[in-house]
Amino acid sequence: MQYKPIISVILRFIWYNIKVKTMNTLKQGDAVPNFSAKDEQGNTISLSDYKGKKLVVFFYPKASTPGCTVEACNLRDNYAALQAQGYELLGVSADSEKRQANFKNKYGFPFPLLADEDKTVIEAFGVWGPKKFMGKEYDGIHRMTFLIDEKGIVERVIEKVKTKDHAAQILA
């Protein structure tokens, strides 16, 4: 009986690591599968809309939360510099159109926010998986950013996003 808690911890550790390793995240050199999803205004946005353009797709866990707000505001504040380097931006979370619209309007973001409630785009990029927060394990969106070239190929993946300085990470 005294081994039960230890075995439970070991099994959770193994389960978590297997799940993390099976998260099929797009990598540098991968072709991005075409996707379509509604933005905060109900417009359908597709990867094909950005053909011939460089695109930054940033995934964030939840609109209007502290880290997501800092990240998106940093991108907003550096939007001109990102555009000067030829980048278009697209934010994605599993929030509703209404929540995304409130987030965008409150902070004046000049880029669309996809309301990927069915997680089609999130799963296509492989950013949905197990997370840990305050000792709790759960499935959620991993904060990641993908830089995509004009042909729809992943140029770079930023896995460790610095919310306060994210634009600099992209421009580096």
C-alpha atoms as a PDB file:
ATOM      1  CA  MET A   1       0.000   0.000   0.000  1.00  0.00           C
ATOM      2  CA  GLN A   2       2.809   2.470   0.731  1.00  0.00           C
ATOM      3  CA  TYR A   3       4.042   2.187  -2.875  1.00  0.00           C
ATOM      4  CA  LYS A   4       0.725   3.279  -4.379  1.00  0.00           C
ATOM      5  CA  PRO A   5       1.429   7.062  -4.274  1.00  0.00           C
ATOM      6  CA  ILE A   6       4.892   6.566  -5.784  1.00  0.00           C
ATOM      7  CA  ILE A   7       3.552   4.363  -8.563  1.00  0.00           C
ATOM      8  CA  SER A   8       0.815   6.909  -9.249  1.00  0.00           C
ATOM      9  CA  VAL A   9       3.384   9.715  -9.600  1.00  0.00           C
ATOM     10  CA  ILE A  10       5.572   7.596 -11.878  1.00  0.00           C
ATOM     11  CA  LEU A  11       2.627   6.659 -14.107  1.00  0.00           C
ATOM     12  CA  ARG A  12       1.535  10.313 -14.402  1.00  0.00           C
ATOM     13  CA  PHE A  13       5.107  11.307 -15.302  1.00  0.00           C
ATOM     14  CA  ILE A  14       5.297   8.607 -17.991  1.00  0.00           C
ATOM     15  CA  TRP A  15       1.835   9.524 -19.376  1.00  0.00           C
ATOM     16  CA  TYR A  16       2.742  13.224 -19.515  1.00  0.00           C
ATOM     17  CA  ASN A  17       6.040  12.586 -21.302  1.00  0.00           C
ATOM     18  CA  ILE A  18       4.491  10.201 -23.820  1.00  0.00           C
ATOM     19  CA  LYS A  19       1.764  12.731 -24.610  1.00  0.00           C
ATOM     20  CA  VAL A  20       4.234  15.616 -24.954  1.00  0.00           C
ATOM     21  CA  LYS A  21       6.433  13.591 -27.278  1.00  0.00           C
ATOM     22  CA  THR A  22       3.448  12.631 -29.437  1.00  0.00           C
ATOM     23  CA  MET A  23       2.358  16.254 -29.906  1.00  0.00           C
ATOM     24  CA  ASN A  24       2.905  16.609 -33.653  1.00  0.00           C
ATOM     25  CA  THR A  25       4.131  20.217 -33.805  1.00  0.00           C
ATOM     26  CA  LEU A  26       5.119  21.646 -37.183  1.00  0.00           C
ATOM     27  CA  LYS A  27       8.871  22.109 -37.508  1.00  0.00           C
ATOM     28  CA  GLN A  28      11.233  24.189 -39.620  1.00  0.00           C
ATOM     29  CA  GLY A  29      10.961  23.066 -43.243  1.00  0.00           C
ATOM     30  CA  ASP A  30       7.424  21.650 -42.911  1.00  0.00           C
ATOM     31  CA  ALA A  31       4.732  22.746 -45.324  1.00  0.00           C
ATOM     32  CA  VAL A  32       1.870  24.360 -43.428  1.00  0.00           C
ATOM     33  CA  PRO A  33      -1.408  22.602 -44.230  1.00  0.00           C
ATOM     34  CA  ASN A  34      -3.997  24.959 -45.679  1.00  0.00           C
ATOM     35  CA  PHE A  35      -6.451  26.028 -43.011  1.00  0.00           C
ATOM     36  CA  SER A  36      -9.549  28.166 -42.718  1.00  0.00           C
ATOM     37  CA  ALA A  37     -11.103  29.639 -39.594  1.00  0.00           C
ATOM     38  CA  LYS A  38     -13.245  32.600 -38.594  1.00  0.00           C
ATOM     39  CA  ASP A  39     -11.626  35.729 -37.255  1.00  0.00           C
ATOM     40  CA  GLU A  40     -13.032  38.019 -34.568  1.00  0.00           C
ATOM     41  CA  GLN A  41     -15.387  39.642 -37.112  1.00  0.00           C
ATOM     42  CA  GLY A  42     -16.718  36.372 -38.530  1.00  0.00           C
ATOM     43  CA  ASN A  43     -14.604  36.595 -41.711  1.00  0.00           C
ATOM     44  CA  THR A  44     -13.108  33.356 -42.985  1.00  0.00           C
ATOM     45  CA  ILE A  45      -9.311  33.568 -43.014  1.00  0.00           C
ATOM     46  CA  SER A  46      -7.232  30.949 -44.855  1.00  0.00           C
ATOM     47  CA  LEU A  47      -3.535  30.285 -45.251  1.00  0.00           C
ATOM     48  CA  SER A  48      -4.057  30.790 -48.992  1.00  0.00           C
ATOM     49  CA  ASP A  49      -4.978  34.441 -48.257  1.00  0.00           C
ATOM     50  CA  TYR A  50      -1.299  34.954 -47.405  1.00  0.00           C
ATOM     51  CA  LYS A  51       0.215  33.237 -50.433  1.00  0.00           C
ATOM     52  CA  GLY A  52       3.281  35.183 -51.566  1.00  0.00           C
ATOM     53  CA  LYS A  53       3.572  36.904 -48.153  1.00  0.00           C
ATOM     54  CA  LYS A  54       5.614  36.166 -45.050  1.00  0.00           C
ATOM     55  CA  LEU A  55       3.336  35.300 -42.157  1.00  0.00           C
ATOM     56  CA  VAL A  56       3.739  35.166 -38.391  1.00  0.00           C
ATOM     57  CA  VAL A  57       1.166  32.873 -36.754  1.00  0.00           C
ATOM     58  CA  PHE A  58       1.232  33.211 -32.984  1.00  0.00           C
ATOM     59  CA  PHE A  59      -0.751  30.921 -30.700  1.00  0.00           C
ATOM     60  CA  TYR A  60      -1.782  32.049 -27.245  1.00  0.00           C
ATOM     61  CA  PRO A  61      -3.778  30.234 -24.549  1.00  0.00           C
ATOM     62  CA  LYS A  62      -6.576  32.703 -23.772  1.00  0.00           C
ATOM     63  CA  ALA A  63      -7.550  36.198 -24.865  1.00  0.00           C
ATOM     64  CA  SER A  64      -7.377  39.008 -22.289  1.00  0.00           C
ATOM     65  CA  THR A  65      -5.260  37.072 -19.801  1.00  0.00           C
ATOM     66  CA  PRO A  66      -2.096  38.798 -18.518  1.00  0.00           C
ATOM     67  CA  GLY A  67       0.559  36.921 -20.524  1.00  0.00           C
ATOM     68  CA  CYS A  68      -1.482  36.865 -23.720  1.00  0.00           C
ATOM     69  CA  THR A  69      -2.220  40.578 -23.417  1.00  0.00           C
ATOM     70  CA  VAL A  70       1.452  41.464 -22.889  1.00  0.00           C
ATOM     71  CA  GLU A  71       2.462  39.334 -25.884  1.00  0.00           C
ATOM     72  CA  ALA A  72      -0.177  40.699 -28.260  1.00  0.00           C
ATOM     73  CA  CYS A  73       0.446  44.309 -27.146  1.00  0.00           C
ATOM     74  CA  ASN A  74       4.187  43.871 -27.782  1.00  0.00           C
ATOM     75  CA  LEU A  75       3.375  42.709 -31.319  1.00  0.00           C
ATOM     76  CA  ARG A  76       0.961  45.631 -31.752  1.00  0.00           C
ATOM     77  CA  ASP A  77       3.561  48.122 -30.547  1.00  0.00           C
ATOM     78  CA  ASN A  78       6.118  46.697 -32.990  1.00  0.00           C
ATOM     79  CA  TYR A  79       3.701  46.079 -35.858  1.00  0.00           C
ATOM     80  CA  ALA A  80       5.313  48.685 -38.141  1.00  0.00           C
ATOM     81  CA  ALA A  81       8.760  47.111 -37.675  1.00  0.00           C
ATOM     82  CA  LEU A  82       7.345  43.654 -38.387  1.00  0.00           C
ATOM     83  CA  GLN A  83       5.581  44.912 -41.507  1.00  0.00           C
ATOM     84  CA  ALA A  84       8.770  46.690 -42.625  1.00  0.00           C
ATOM     85  CA  GLN A  85      10.378  43.220 -42.659  1.00  0.00           C
ATOM     86  CA  GLY A  86       7.477  41.980 -44.805  1.00  0.00           C
ATOM     87  CA  TYR A  87       5.532  40.108 -42.133  1.00  0.00           C
ATOM     88  CA  GLU A  88       1.775  39.810 -41.815  1.00  0.00           C
ATOM     89  CA  LEU A  89       0.482  38.693 -38.393  1.00  0.00           C
ATOM     90  CA  LEU A  90      -2.241  36.306 -37.357  1.00  0.00           C
ATOM     91  CA  GLY A  91      -3.124  35.490 -33.725  1.00  0.00           C
ATOM     92  CA  VAL A  92      -4.864  32.221 -32.848  1.00  0.00           C
ATOM     93  CA  SER A  93      -6.582  30.882 -29.740  1.00  0.00           C
ATOM     94  CA  ALA A  94      -9.608  28.689 -29.023  1.00  0.00           C
ATOM     95  CA  ASP A  95     -11.640  31.688 -27.800  1.00  0.00           C
ATOM     96  CA  SER A  96     -14.993  32.642 -29.303  1.00  0.00           C
ATOM     97  CA  GLU A  97     -15.375  35.335 -31.962  1.00  0.00           C
ATOM     98  CA  LYS A  98     -16.935  37.621 -29.339  1.00  0.00           C
ATOM     99  CA  ARG A  99     -14.064  37.167 -26.881  1.00  0.00           C
ATOM    100  CA  GLN A 100     -11.519  37.722 -29.664  1.00  0.00           C
ATOM    101  CA  ALA A 101     -13.397  40.849 -30.826  1.00  0.00           C
ATOM    102  CA  ASN A 102     -13.436  42.245 -27.281  1.00  0.00           C
ATOM    103  CA  PHE A 103      -9.697  41.525 -26.938  1.00  0.00           C
ATOM    104  CA  LYS A 104      -8.870  43.149 -30.279  1.00  0.00           C
ATOM    105  CA  ASN A 105     -11.070  46.205 -29.710  1.00  0.00           C
ATOM    106  CA  LYS A 106      -9.884  46.794 -26.142  1.00  0.00           C
ATOM    107  CA  TYR A 107      -6.201  46.852 -27.149  1.00  0.00           C
ATOM    108  CA  GLY A 108      -6.453  48.086 -30.756  1.00  0.00           C
ATOM    109  CA  PHE A 109      -4.688  45.194 -32.461  1.00  0.00           C
ATOM    110  CA  PRO A 110      -4.115  45.866 -36.176  1.00  0.00           C
ATOM    111  CA  PHE A 111      -4.017  42.138 -37.045  1.00  0.00           C
ATOM    112  CA  PRO A 112      -6.752  39.482 -37.176  1.00  0.00           C
ATOM    113  CA  LEU A 113      -7.369  37.064 -34.302  1.00  0.00           C
ATOM    114  CA  LEU A 114      -8.696  33.640 -35.243  1.00  0.00           C
ATOM    115  CA  ALA A 115     -11.464  32.189 -33.104  1.00  0.00           C
ATOM    116  CA  ASP A 116     -10.445  28.546 -33.487  1.00  0.00           C
ATOM    117  CA  GLU A 117     -13.067  27.085 -31.170  1.00  0.00           C
ATOM    118  CA  ASP A 118     -12.996  23.664 -32.841  1.00  0.00           C
ATOM    119  CA  LYS A 119      -9.164  23.684 -32.672  1.00  0.00           C
ATOM    120  CA  THR A 120      -8.719  22.913 -36.393  1.00  0.00           C
ATOM    121  CA  VAL A 121      -5.798  25.338 -36.816  1.00  0.00           C
ATOM    122  CA  ILE A 122      -4.421  24.662 -33.338  1.00  0.00           C
ATOM    123  CA  GLU A 123      -4.235  20.931 -34.047  1.00  0.00           C
ATOM    124  CA  ALA A 124      -2.915  21.421 -37.605  1.00  0.00           C
ATOM    125  CA  PHE A 125       0.087  23.271 -36.124  1.00  0.00           C
ATOM    126  CA  GLY A 126       0.375  20.744 -33.283  1.00  0.00           C
ATOM    127  CA  VAL A 127       0.211  23.220 -30.409  1.00  0.00           C
ATOM    128  CA  TRP A 128      -2.513  21.478 -28.380  1.00  0.00           C
ATOM    129  CA  GLY A 129      -1.240  19.156 -25.700  1.00  0.00           C
ATOM    130  CA  PRO A 130      -0.539  18.519 -22.044  1.00  0.00           C
ATOM    131  CA  LYS A 131       0.540  21.439 -19.870  1.00  0.00           C
ATOM    132  CA  LYS A 132       1.363  21.951 -16.221  1.00  0.00           C
ATOM    133  CA  PHE A 133       0.348  24.985 -14.198  1.00  0.00           C
ATOM    134  CA  MET A 134       0.519  25.314 -10.424  1.00  0.00           C
ATOM    135  CA  GLY A 135       0.897  21.566 -10.042  1.00  0.00           C
ATOM    136  CA  LYS A 136      -2.089  20.788 -12.241  1.00  0.00           C
ATOM    137  CA  GLU A 137      -1.851  18.837 -15.495  1.00  0.00           C
ATOM    138  CA  TYR A 138      -4.320  19.572 -18.275  1.00  0.00           C
ATOM    139  CA  ASP A 139      -4.521  19.839 -22.058  1.00  0.00           C
ATOM    140  CA  GLY A 140      -4.269  23.301 -23.562  1.00  0.00           C
ATOM    141  CA  ILE A 141      -2.645  25.546 -26.147  1.00  0.00           C
ATOM    142  CA  HIS A 142       1.119  25.838 -26.001  1.00  0.00           C
ATOM    143  CA  ARG A 143       2.245  29.437 -26.533  1.00  0.00           C
ATOM    144  CA  MET A 144       4.260  29.149 -29.753  1.00  0.00           C
ATOM    145  CA  THR A 145       4.943  31.213 -32.851  1.00  0.00           C
ATOM    146  CA  PHE A 146       5.560  30.085 -36.419  1.00  0.00           C
ATOM    147  CA  LEU A 147       7.312  32.165 -39.062  1.00  0.00           C
ATOM    148  CA  ILE A 148       6.076  31.067 -42.474  1.00  0.00           C
ATOM    149  CA  ASP A 149       7.668  32.004 -45.792  1.00  0.00           C
ATOM    150  CA  GLU A 150       5.946  33.151 -48.983  1.00  0.00           C
ATOM    151  CA  LYS A 151       5.530  29.543 -50.153  1.00  0.00           C
ATOM    152  CA  GLY A 152       3.819  28.340 -46.967  1.00  0.00           C
ATOM    153  CA  ILE A 153       6.884  26.643 -45.472  1.00  0.00           C
ATOM    154  CA  VAL A 154       7.801  27.001 -41.786  1.00  0.00           C
ATOM    155  CA  GLU A 155      11.002  29.071 -41.629  1.00  0.00           C
ATOM    156  CA  ARG A 156      11.302  29.084 -37.862  1.00  0.00           C
ATOM    157  CA  VAL A 157       9.424  28.028 -34.736  1.00  0.00           C
ATOM    158  CA  ILE A 158       9.653  30.021 -31.513  1.00  0.00           C
ATOM    159  CA  GLU A 159       8.833  27.583 -28.728  1.00  0.00           C
ATOM    160  CA  LYS A 160       9.907  29.698 -25.762  1.00  0.00           C
ATOM    161  CA  VAL A 161       8.015  32.926 -26.320  1.00  0.00           C
ATOM    162  CA  LYS A 162       9.122  35.953 -24.307  1.00  0.00           C
ATOM    163  CA  THR A 163       5.804  37.763 -23.978  1.00  0.00           C
ATOM    164  CA  LYS A 164       7.349  41.150 -23.148  1.00  0.00           C
ATOM    165  CA  ASP A 165       9.841  41.024 -26.027  1.00  0.00           C
ATOM    166  CA  HIS A 166       8.235  38.771 -28.612  1.00  0.00           C
ATOM    167  CA  ALA A 167       8.647  41.079 -31.615  1.00  0.00           C
ATOM    168  CA  ALA A 168      12.409  41.145 -31.011  1.00  0.00           C
ATOM    169  CA  GLN A 169      12.436  37.336 -31.024  1.00  0.00           C
ATOM    170  CA  ILE A 170      10.681  37.352 -34.393  1.00  0.00           C
ATOM    171  CA  LEU A 171      12.953  39.997 -35.875  1.00  0.00           C
ATOM    172  CA  ALA A 172      16.171  38.349 -34.593  1.00  0.00           C
END
